[in-house]
Amino acid sequence: PMILRFMVQDQNGRPATDLEPYMGMAAHAEIIRSDRSVF
């Protein structure tokens, strides 16, 4: 078990200040193994 951590920055490399909820969440992620045995 781990925490996947991401930082979103603007075009100047500063932390983005205009992020909005996407379908009620800060973000969504899809994780797929190369042979598609995991989704």
ModelCIF file with pLDDT and N, C-alpha, C, O atoms, coordinates in Angstrom:
data_MODEL
#
_entry.id   MODEL 
#
_entity.id                         1 
_entity.type                       polymer 
_entity.pdbx_number_of_molecules   1 
#
_entity_poly.entity_id                      1 
_entity_poly.type                           'polypeptide(L)' 
_entity_poly.nstd_linkage                   no 
_entity_poly.nstd_monomer                   no 
_entity_poly.pdbx_seq_one_letter_code       PMILRFMVQDQNGRPATDLEPYMGMAAHAEIIRSDRSVF 
_entity_poly.pdbx_seq_one_letter_code_can   PMILRFMVQDQNGRPATDLEPYMGMAAHAEIIRSDRSVF 
_entity_poly.pdbx_strand_id                 A 
#
loop_
_entity_poly_seq.entity_id 
_entity_poly_seq.num 
_entity_poly_seq.mon_id 
_entity_poly_seq.hetero 
1 1  PRO n 
1 2  MET n 
1 3  ILE n 
1 4  LEU n 
1 5  ARG n 
1 6  PHE n 
1 7  MET n 
1 8  VAL n 
1 9  GLN n 
1 10 ASP n 
1 11 GLN n 
1 12 ASN n 
1 13 GLY n 
1 14 ARG n 
1 15 PRO n 
1 16 ALA n 
1 17 THR n 
1 18 ASP n 
1 19 LEU n 
1 20 GLU n 
1 21 PRO n 
1 22 TYR n 
1 23 MET n 
1 24 GLY n 
1 25 MET n 
1 26 ALA n 
1 27 ALA n 
1 28 HIS n 
1 29 ALA n 
1 30 GLU n 
1 31 ILE n 
1 32 ILE n 
1 33 ARG n 
1 34 SER n 
1 35 ASP n 
1 36 ARG n 
1 37 SER n 
1 38 VAL n 
1 39 PHE n 
#
_struct_asym.id          A 
_struct_asym.entity_id   1 
#
loop_
_ma_qa_metric.id 
_ma_qa_metric.mode 
_ma_qa_metric.name 
_ma_qa_metric.software_group_id 
_ma_qa_metric.type 
1 global pLDDT . pLDDT 
2 local  pLDDT . pLDDT 
#
_ma_qa_metric_global.metric_id      1 
_ma_qa_metric_global.metric_value   93.18 
_ma_qa_metric_global.model_id       1 
_ma_qa_metric_global.ordinal_id     1 
#
loop_
_ma_qa_metric_local.label_asym_id 
_ma_qa_metric_local.label_comp_id 
_ma_qa_metric_local.label_seq_id 
_ma_qa_metric_local.metric_id 
_ma_qa_metric_local.metric_value 
_ma_qa_metric_local.model_id 
_ma_qa_metric_local.ordinal_id 
A PRO 1  2 94.00 1 1  
A MET 2  2 94.00 1 2  
A ILE 3  2 94.00 1 3  
A LEU 4  2 95.00 1 4  
A ARG 5  2 95.00 1 5  
A PHE 6  2 96.00 1 6  
A MET 7  2 95.00 1 7  
A VAL 8  2 95.00 1 8  
A GLN 9  2 94.00 1 9  
A ASP 10 2 91.00 1 10 
A GLN 11 2 90.00 1 11 
A ASN 12 2 88.00 1 12 
A GLY 13 2 88.00 1 13 
A ARG 14 2 92.00 1 14 
A PRO 15 2 93.00 1 15 
A ALA 16 2 92.00 1 16 
A THR 17 2 90.00 1 17 
A ASP 18 2 91.00 1 18 
A LEU 19 2 93.00 1 19 
A GLU 20 2 93.00 1 20 
A PRO 21 2 93.00 1 21 
A TYR 22 2 93.00 1 22 
A MET 23 2 92.00 1 23 
A GLY 24 2 89.00 1 24 
A MET 25 2 91.00 1 25 
A ALA 26 2 93.00 1 26 
A ALA 27 2 95.00 1 27 
A HIS 28 2 96.00 1 28 
A ALA 29 2 96.00 1 29 
A GLU 30 2 96.00 1 30 
A ILE 31 2 96.00 1 31 
A ILE 32 2 96.00 1 32 
A ARG 33 2 95.00 1 33 
A SER 34 2 94.00 1 34 
A ASP 35 2 93.00 1 35 
A ARG 36 2 92.00 1 36 
A SER 37 2 92.00 1 37 
A VAL 38 2 94.00 1 38 
A PHE 39 2 95.00 1 39 
#
loop_
_atom_site.group_PDB 
_atom_site.id 
_atom_site.type_symbol 
_atom_site.label_atom_id 
_atom_site.label_alt_id 
_atom_site.label_comp_id 
_atom_site.label_asym_id 
_atom_site.label_entity_id 
_atom_site.label_seq_id 
_atom_site.pdbx_PDB_ins_code 
_atom_site.Cartn_x 
_atom_site.Cartn_y 
_atom_site.Cartn_z 
_atom_site.occupancy 
_atom_site.B_iso_or_equiv 
_atom_site.pdbx_formal_charge 
_atom_site.auth_seq_id 
_atom_site.auth_comp_id 
_atom_site.auth_asym_id 
_atom_site.auth_atom_id 
_atom_site.pdbx_PDB_model_num 
ATOM 1   N N  . PRO A 1 1  ? 0.835   -1.205 0.000   1.00 94.00 ? 1  PRO A N  1 
ATOM 2   C CA . PRO A 1 1  ? 0.000   0.000  0.000   1.00 94.00 ? 1  PRO A CA 1 
ATOM 3   C C  . PRO A 1 1  ? 0.869   1.255  0.000   1.00 94.00 ? 1  PRO A C  1 
ATOM 4   O O  . PRO A 1 1  ? 1.877   1.319  0.704   1.00 94.00 ? 1  PRO A O  1 
ATOM 5   N N  . MET A 1 2  ? 0.479   2.238  -0.784  1.00 94.00 ? 2  MET A N  1 
ATOM 6   C CA . MET A 1 2  ? 1.262   3.465  -0.893  1.00 94.00 ? 2  MET A CA 1 
ATOM 7   C C  . MET A 1 2  ? 0.339   4.631  -1.215  1.00 94.00 ? 2  MET A C  1 
ATOM 8   O O  . MET A 1 2  ? -0.832  4.441  -1.542  1.00 94.00 ? 2  MET A O  1 
ATOM 9   N N  . ILE A 1 3  ? 0.872   5.818  -1.120  1.00 94.00 ? 3  ILE A N  1 
ATOM 10  C CA . ILE A 1 3  ? 0.155   7.022  -1.507  1.00 94.00 ? 3  ILE A CA 1 
ATOM 11  C C  . ILE A 1 3  ? 0.810   7.563  -2.771  1.00 94.00 ? 3  ILE A C  1 
ATOM 12  O O  . ILE A 1 3  ? 1.989   7.918  -2.754  1.00 94.00 ? 3  ILE A O  1 
ATOM 13  N N  . LEU A 1 4  ? 0.061   7.630  -3.863  1.00 95.00 ? 4  LEU A N  1 
ATOM 14  C CA . LEU A 1 4  ? 0.545   8.237  -5.100  1.00 95.00 ? 4  LEU A CA 1 
ATOM 15  C C  . LEU A 1 4  ? 0.324   9.741  -4.985  1.00 95.00 ? 4  LEU A C  1 
ATOM 16  O O  . LEU A 1 4  ? -0.811  10.193 -4.839  1.00 95.00 ? 4  LEU A O  1 
ATOM 17  N N  . ARG A 1 5  ? 1.407   10.518 -5.050  1.00 95.00 ? 5  ARG A N  1 
ATOM 18  C CA . ARG A 1 5  ? 1.324   11.963 -4.857  1.00 95.00 ? 5  ARG A CA 1 
ATOM 19  C C  . ARG A 1 5  ? 1.717   12.693 -6.141  1.00 95.00 ? 5  ARG A C  1 
ATOM 20  O O  . ARG A 1 5  ? 2.739   12.388 -6.756  1.00 95.00 ? 5  ARG A O  1 
ATOM 21  N N  . PHE A 1 6  ? 0.889   13.658 -6.532  1.00 96.00 ? 6  PHE A N  1 
ATOM 22  C CA . PHE A 1 6  ? 1.121   14.441 -7.741  1.00 96.00 ? 6  PHE A CA 1 
ATOM 23  C C  . PHE A 1 6  ? 1.004   15.928 -7.419  1.00 96.00 ? 6  PHE A C  1 
ATOM 24  O O  . PHE A 1 6  ? 0.223   16.322 -6.552  1.00 96.00 ? 6  PHE A O  1 
ATOM 25  N N  . MET A 1 7  ? 1.774   16.741 -8.112  1.00 95.00 ? 7  MET A N  1 
ATOM 26  C CA . MET A 1 7  ? 1.729   18.187 -7.967  1.00 95.00 ? 7  MET A CA 1 
ATOM 27  C C  . MET A 1 7  ? 1.395   18.795 -9.334  1.00 95.00 ? 7  MET A C  1 
ATOM 28  O O  . MET A 1 7  ? 2.074   18.527 -10.326 1.00 95.00 ? 7  MET A O  1 
ATOM 29  N N  . VAL A 1 8  ? 0.344   19.612 -9.371  1.00 95.00 ? 8  VAL A N  1 
ATOM 30  C CA . VAL A 1 8  ? -0.065  20.288 -10.598 1.00 95.00 ? 8  VAL A CA 1 
ATOM 31  C C  . VAL A 1 8  ? 0.460   21.716 -10.548 1.00 95.00 ? 8  VAL A C  1 
ATOM 32  O O  . VAL A 1 8  ? 0.223   22.441 -9.582  1.00 95.00 ? 8  VAL A O  1 
ATOM 33  N N  . GLN A 1 9  ? 1.177   22.116 -11.598 1.00 94.00 ? 9  GLN A N  1 
ATOM 34  C CA . GLN A 1 9  ? 1.779   23.446 -11.665 1.00 94.00 ? 9  GLN A CA 1 
ATOM 35  C C  . GLN A 1 9  ? 1.312   24.173 -12.909 1.00 94.00 ? 9  GLN A C  1 
ATOM 36  O O  . GLN A 1 9  ? 0.912   23.554 -13.895 1.00 94.00 ? 9  GLN A O  1 
ATOM 37  N N  . ASP A 1 10 ? 1.369   25.491 -12.851 1.00 91.00 ? 10 ASP A N  1 
ATOM 38  C CA . ASP A 1 10 ? 0.981   26.274 -14.023 1.00 91.00 ? 10 ASP A CA 1 
ATOM 39  C C  . ASP A 1 10 ? 2.137   26.333 -15.020 1.00 91.00 ? 10 ASP A C  1 
ATOM 40  O O  . ASP A 1 10 ? 3.152   25.658 -14.852 1.00 91.00 ? 10 ASP A O  1 
ATOM 41  N N  . GLN A 1 11 ? 1.965   27.151 -16.058 1.00 90.00 ? 11 GLN A N  1 
ATOM 42  C CA . GLN A 1 11 ? 2.961   27.212 -17.119 1.00 90.00 ? 11 GLN A CA 1 
ATOM 43  C C  . GLN A 1 11 ? 4.297   27.767 -16.635 1.00 90.00 ? 11 GLN A C  1 
ATOM 44  O O  . GLN A 1 11 ? 5.325   27.572 -17.283 1.00 90.00 ? 11 GLN A O  1 
ATOM 45  N N  . ASN A 1 12 ? 4.283   28.457 -15.498 1.00 88.00 ? 12 ASN A N  1 
ATOM 46  C CA . ASN A 1 12 ? 5.510   29.034 -14.957 1.00 88.00 ? 12 ASN A CA 1 
ATOM 47  C C  . ASN A 1 12 ? 6.146   28.180 -13.867 1.00 88.00 ? 12 ASN A C  1 
ATOM 48  O O  . ASN A 1 12 ? 7.127   28.586 -13.244 1.00 88.00 ? 12 ASN A O  1 
ATOM 49  N N  . GLY A 1 13 ? 5.587   27.002 -13.643 1.00 88.00 ? 13 GLY A N  1 
ATOM 50  C CA . GLY A 1 13 ? 6.149   26.101 -12.654 1.00 88.00 ? 13 GLY A CA 1 
ATOM 51  C C  . GLY A 1 13 ? 5.699   26.372 -11.239 1.00 88.00 ? 13 GLY A C  1 
ATOM 52  O O  . GLY A 1 13 ? 6.247   25.800 -10.298 1.00 88.00 ? 13 GLY A O  1 
ATOM 53  N N  . ARG A 1 14 ? 4.700   27.242 -11.066 1.00 92.00 ? 14 ARG A N  1 
ATOM 54  C CA . ARG A 1 14 ? 4.170   27.518 -9.735  1.00 92.00 ? 14 ARG A CA 1 
ATOM 55  C C  . ARG A 1 14 ? 2.952   26.634 -9.470  1.00 92.00 ? 14 ARG A C  1 
ATOM 56  O O  . ARG A 1 14 ? 2.283   26.217 -10.415 1.00 92.00 ? 14 ARG A O  1 
ATOM 57  N N  . PRO A 1 15 ? 2.653   26.342 -8.199  1.00 93.00 ? 15 PRO A N  1 
ATOM 58  C CA . PRO A 1 15 ? 1.466   25.524 -7.899  1.00 93.00 ? 15 PRO A CA 1 
ATOM 59  C C  . PRO A 1 15 ? 0.213   26.139 -8.520  1.00 93.00 ? 15 PRO A C  1 
ATOM 60  O O  . PRO A 1 15 ? -0.052  27.330 -8.357  1.00 93.00 ? 15 PRO A O  1 
ATOM 61  N N  . ALA A 1 16 ? -0.548  25.318 -9.230  1.00 92.00 ? 16 ALA A N  1 
ATOM 62  C CA . ALA A 1 16 ? -1.760  25.805 -9.904  1.00 92.00 ? 16 ALA A CA 1 
ATOM 63  C C  . ALA A 1 16 ? -2.799  26.212 -8.873  1.00 92.00 ? 16 ALA A C  1 
ATOM 64  O O  . ALA A 1 16 ? -3.028  25.510 -7.889  1.00 92.00 ? 16 ALA A O  1 
ATOM 65  N N  . THR A 1 17 ? -3.421  27.353 -9.115  1.00 90.00 ? 17 THR A N  1 
ATOM 66  C CA . THR A 1 17 ? -4.423  27.881 -8.177  1.00 90.00 ? 17 THR A CA 1 
ATOM 67  C C  . THR A 1 17 ? -5.835  27.831 -8.746  1.00 90.00 ? 17 THR A C  1 
ATOM 68  O O  . THR A 1 17 ? -6.772  28.323 -8.116  1.00 90.00 ? 17 THR A O  1 
ATOM 69  N N  . ASP A 1 18 ? -6.000  27.244 -9.929  1.00 91.00 ? 18 ASP A N  1 
ATOM 70  C CA . ASP A 1 18 ? -7.313  27.255 -10.571 1.00 91.00 ? 18 ASP A CA 1 
ATOM 71  C C  . ASP A 1 18 ? -7.875  25.857 -10.789 1.00 91.00 ? 18 ASP A C  1 
ATOM 72  O O  . ASP A 1 18 ? -8.656  25.638 -11.715 1.00 91.00 ? 18 ASP A O  1 
ATOM 73  N N  . LEU A 1 19 ? -7.478  24.902 -9.932  1.00 93.00 ? 19 LEU A N  1 
ATOM 74  C CA . LEU A 1 19 ? -8.042  23.560 -10.049 1.00 93.00 ? 19 LEU A CA 1 
ATOM 75  C C  . LEU A 1 19 ? -9.452  23.539 -9.485  1.00 93.00 ? 19 LEU A C  1 
ATOM 76  O O  . LEU A 1 19 ? -9.751  24.216 -8.501  1.00 93.00 ? 19 LEU A O  1 
ATOM 77  N N  . GLU A 1 20 ? -10.319 22.752 -10.121 1.00 93.00 ? 20 GLU A N  1 
ATOM 78  C CA . GLU A 1 20 ? -11.711 22.625 -9.717  1.00 93.00 ? 20 GLU A CA 1 
ATOM 79  C C  . GLU A 1 20 ? -12.049 21.157 -9.491  1.00 93.00 ? 20 GLU A C  1 
ATOM 80  O O  . GLU A 1 20 ? -11.372 20.279 -10.027 1.00 93.00 ? 20 GLU A O  1 
ATOM 81  N N  . PRO A 1 21 ? -13.072 20.882 -8.717  1.00 93.00 ? 21 PRO A N  1 
ATOM 82  C CA . PRO A 1 21 ? -13.493 19.482 -8.552  1.00 93.00 ? 21 PRO A CA 1 
ATOM 83  C C  . PRO A 1 21 ? -13.920 18.878 -9.897  1.00 93.00 ? 21 PRO A C  1 
ATOM 84  O O  . PRO A 1 21 ? -14.634 19.509 -10.677 1.00 93.00 ? 21 PRO A O  1 
ATOM 85  N N  . TYR A 1 22 ? -13.474 17.659 -10.147 1.00 93.00 ? 22 TYR A N  1 
ATOM 86  C CA . TYR A 1 22 ? -13.873 16.917 -11.339 1.00 93.00 ? 22 TYR A CA 1 
ATOM 87  C C  . TYR A 1 22 ? -14.782 15.780 -10.891 1.00 93.00 ? 22 TYR A C  1 
ATOM 88  O O  . TYR A 1 22 ? -14.319 14.800 -10.307 1.00 93.00 ? 22 TYR A O  1 
ATOM 89  N N  . MET A 1 23 ? -16.065 15.913 -11.163 1.00 92.00 ? 23 MET A N  1 
ATOM 90  C CA . MET A 1 23 ? -17.075 14.957 -10.713 1.00 92.00 ? 23 MET A CA 1 
ATOM 91  C C  . MET A 1 23 ? -16.981 14.726 -9.208  1.00 92.00 ? 23 MET A C  1 
ATOM 92  O O  . MET A 1 23 ? -17.018 13.591 -8.733  1.00 92.00 ? 23 MET A O  1 
ATOM 93  N N  . GLY A 1 24 ? -16.859 15.830 -8.470  1.00 89.00 ? 24 GLY A N  1 
ATOM 94  C CA . GLY A 1 24 ? -16.898 15.760 -7.026  1.00 89.00 ? 24 GLY A CA 1 
ATOM 95  C C  . GLY A 1 24 ? -15.604 15.363 -6.364  1.00 89.00 ? 24 GLY A C  1 
ATOM 96  O O  . GLY A 1 24 ? -15.568 15.236 -5.140  1.00 89.00 ? 24 GLY A O  1 
ATOM 97  N N  . MET A 1 25 ? -14.522 15.158 -7.126  1.00 91.00 ? 25 MET A N  1 
ATOM 98  C CA . MET A 1 25 ? -13.250 14.742 -6.551  1.00 91.00 ? 25 MET A CA 1 
ATOM 99  C C  . MET A 1 25 ? -12.149 15.662 -7.063  1.00 91.00 ? 25 MET A C  1 
ATOM 100 O O  . MET A 1 25 ? -12.306 16.335 -8.081  1.00 91.00 ? 25 MET A O  1 
ATOM 101 N N  . ALA A 1 26 ? -11.037 15.679 -6.340  1.00 93.00 ? 26 ALA A N  1 
ATOM 102 C CA . ALA A 1 26 ? -9.902  16.476 -6.789  1.00 93.00 ? 26 ALA A CA 1 
ATOM 103 C C  . ALA A 1 26 ? -9.337  15.948 -8.105  1.00 93.00 ? 26 ALA A C  1 
ATOM 104 O O  . ALA A 1 26 ? -8.809  16.714 -8.911  1.00 93.00 ? 26 ALA A O  1 
ATOM 105 N N  . ALA A 1 27 ? -9.449  14.651 -8.317  1.00 95.00 ? 27 ALA A N  1 
ATOM 106 C CA . ALA A 1 27 ? -8.939  14.036 -9.544  1.00 95.00 ? 27 ALA A CA 1 
ATOM 107 C C  . ALA A 1 27 ? -9.436  12.603 -9.627  1.00 95.00 ? 27 ALA A C  1 
ATOM 108 O O  . ALA A 1 27 ? -9.933  12.041 -8.651  1.00 95.00 ? 27 ALA A O  1 
ATOM 109 N N  . HIS A 1 28 ? -9.290  12.027 -10.805 1.00 96.00 ? 28 HIS A N  1 
ATOM 110 C CA . HIS A 1 28 ? -9.558  10.608 -11.039 1.00 96.00 ? 28 HIS A CA 1 
ATOM 111 C C  . HIS A 1 28 ? -8.307  10.026 -11.687 1.00 96.00 ? 28 HIS A C  1 
ATOM 112 O O  . HIS A 1 28 ? -7.574  10.733 -12.378 1.00 96.00 ? 28 HIS A O  1 
ATOM 113 N N  . ALA A 1 29 ? -8.067  8.741  -11.464 1.00 96.00 ? 29 ALA A N  1 
ATOM 114 C CA . ALA A 1 29 ? -6.927  8.087  -12.102 1.00 96.00 ? 29 ALA A CA 1 
ATOM 115 C C  . ALA A 1 29 ? -7.331  6.694  -12.552 1.00 96.00 ? 29 ALA A C  1 
ATOM 116 O O  . ALA A 1 29 ? -8.056  5.979  -11.861 1.00 96.00 ? 29 ALA A O  1 
ATOM 117 N N  . GLU A 1 30 ? -6.841  6.329  -13.730 1.00 96.00 ? 30 GLU A N  1 
ATOM 118 C CA . GLU A 1 30 ? -7.036  4.983  -14.254 1.00 96.00 ? 30 GLU A CA 1 
ATOM 119 C C  . GLU A 1 30 ? -5.660  4.315  -14.322 1.00 96.00 ? 30 GLU A C  1 
ATOM 120 O O  . GLU A 1 30 ? -4.732  4.841  -14.937 1.00 96.00 ? 30 GLU A O  1 
ATOM 121 N N  . ILE A 1 31 ? -5.547  3.171  -13.692 1.00 96.00 ? 31 ILE A N  1 
ATOM 122 C CA . ILE A 1 31 ? -4.275  2.449  -13.630 1.00 96.00 ? 31 ILE A CA 1 
ATOM 123 C C  . ILE A 1 31 ? -4.437  1.147  -14.405 1.00 96.00 ? 31 ILE A C  1 
ATOM 124 O O  . ILE A 1 31 ? -5.322  0.347  -14.101 1.00 96.00 ? 31 ILE A O  1 
ATOM 125 N N  . ILE A 1 32 ? -3.587  0.934  -15.404 1.00 96.00 ? 32 ILE A N  1 
ATOM 126 C CA . ILE A 1 32 ? -3.720  -0.214 -16.302 1.00 96.00 ? 32 ILE A CA 1 
ATOM 127 C C  . ILE A 1 32 ? -2.373  -0.889 -16.452 1.00 96.00 ? 32 ILE A C  1 
ATOM 128 O O  . ILE A 1 32 ? -1.374  -0.235 -16.751 1.00 96.00 ? 32 ILE A O  1 
ATOM 129 N N  . ARG A 1 33 ? -2.343  -2.187 -16.247 1.00 95.00 ? 33 ARG A N  1 
ATOM 130 C CA . ARG A 1 33 ? -1.128  -2.958 -16.511 1.00 95.00 ? 33 ARG A CA 1 
ATOM 131 C C  . ARG A 1 33 ? -0.974  -3.121 -18.012 1.00 95.00 ? 33 ARG A C  1 
ATOM 132 O O  . ARG A 1 33 ? -1.970  -3.161 -18.734 1.00 95.00 ? 33 ARG A O  1 
ATOM 133 N N  . SER A 1 34 ? 0.261   -3.215 -18.494 1.00 94.00 ? 34 SER A N  1 
ATOM 134 C CA . SER A 1 34 ? 0.518   -3.204 -19.932 1.00 94.00 ? 34 SER A CA 1 
ATOM 135 C C  . SER A 1 34 ? -0.188  -4.337 -20.662 1.00 94.00 ? 34 SER A C  1 
ATOM 136 O O  . SER A 1 34 ? -0.523  -4.200 -21.839 1.00 94.00 ? 34 SER A O  1 
ATOM 137 N N  . ASP A 1 35 ? -0.424  -5.475 -19.967 1.00 93.00 ? 35 ASP A N  1 
ATOM 138 C CA . ASP A 1 35 ? -1.124  -6.586 -20.612 1.00 93.00 ? 35 ASP A CA 1 
ATOM 139 C C  . ASP A 1 35 ? -2.630  -6.549 -20.345 1.00 93.00 ? 35 ASP A C  1 
ATOM 140 O O  . ASP A 1 35 ? -3.341  -7.489 -20.702 1.00 93.00 ? 35 ASP A O  1 
ATOM 141 N N  . ARG A 1 36 ? -3.122  -5.474 -19.721 1.00 92.00 ? 36 ARG A N  1 
ATOM 142 C CA . ARG A 1 36 ? -4.538  -5.244 -19.405 1.00 92.00 ? 36 ARG A CA 1 
ATOM 143 C C  . ARG A 1 36 ? -5.117  -6.251 -18.416 1.00 92.00 ? 36 ARG A C  1 
ATOM 144 O O  . ARG A 1 36 ? -6.336  -6.370 -18.292 1.00 92.00 ? 36 ARG A O  1 
ATOM 145 N N  . SER A 1 37 ? -4.254  -6.969 -17.716 1.00 92.00 ? 37 SER A N  1 
ATOM 146 C CA . SER A 1 37 ? -4.746  -7.885 -16.689 1.00 92.00 ? 37 SER A CA 1 
ATOM 147 C C  . SER A 1 37 ? -5.160  -7.152 -15.427 1.00 92.00 ? 37 SER A C  1 
ATOM 148 O O  . SER A 1 37 ? -5.817  -7.729 -14.560 1.00 92.00 ? 37 SER A O  1 
ATOM 149 N N  . VAL A 1 38 ? -4.779  -5.876 -15.314 1.00 94.00 ? 38 VAL A N  1 
ATOM 150 C CA . VAL A 1 38 ? -5.150  -5.056 -14.166 1.00 94.00 ? 38 VAL A CA 1 
ATOM 151 C C  . VAL A 1 38 ? -5.739  -3.752 -14.678 1.00 94.00 ? 38 VAL A C  1 
ATOM 152 O O  . VAL A 1 38 ? -5.148  -3.078 -15.522 1.00 94.00 ? 38 VAL A O  1 
ATOM 153 N N  . PHE A 1 39 ? -6.909  -3.406 -14.159 1.00 95.00 ? 39 PHE A N  1 
ATOM 154 C CA . PHE A 1 39 ? -7.516  -2.096 -14.411 1.00 95.00 ? 39 PHE A CA 1 
ATOM 155 C C  . PHE A 1 39 ? -8.134  -1.608 -13.116 1.00 95.00 ? 39 PHE A C  1 
ATOM 156 O O  . PHE A 1 39 ? -8.708  -0.519 -13.077 1.00 95.00 ? 39 PHE A O  1 
#
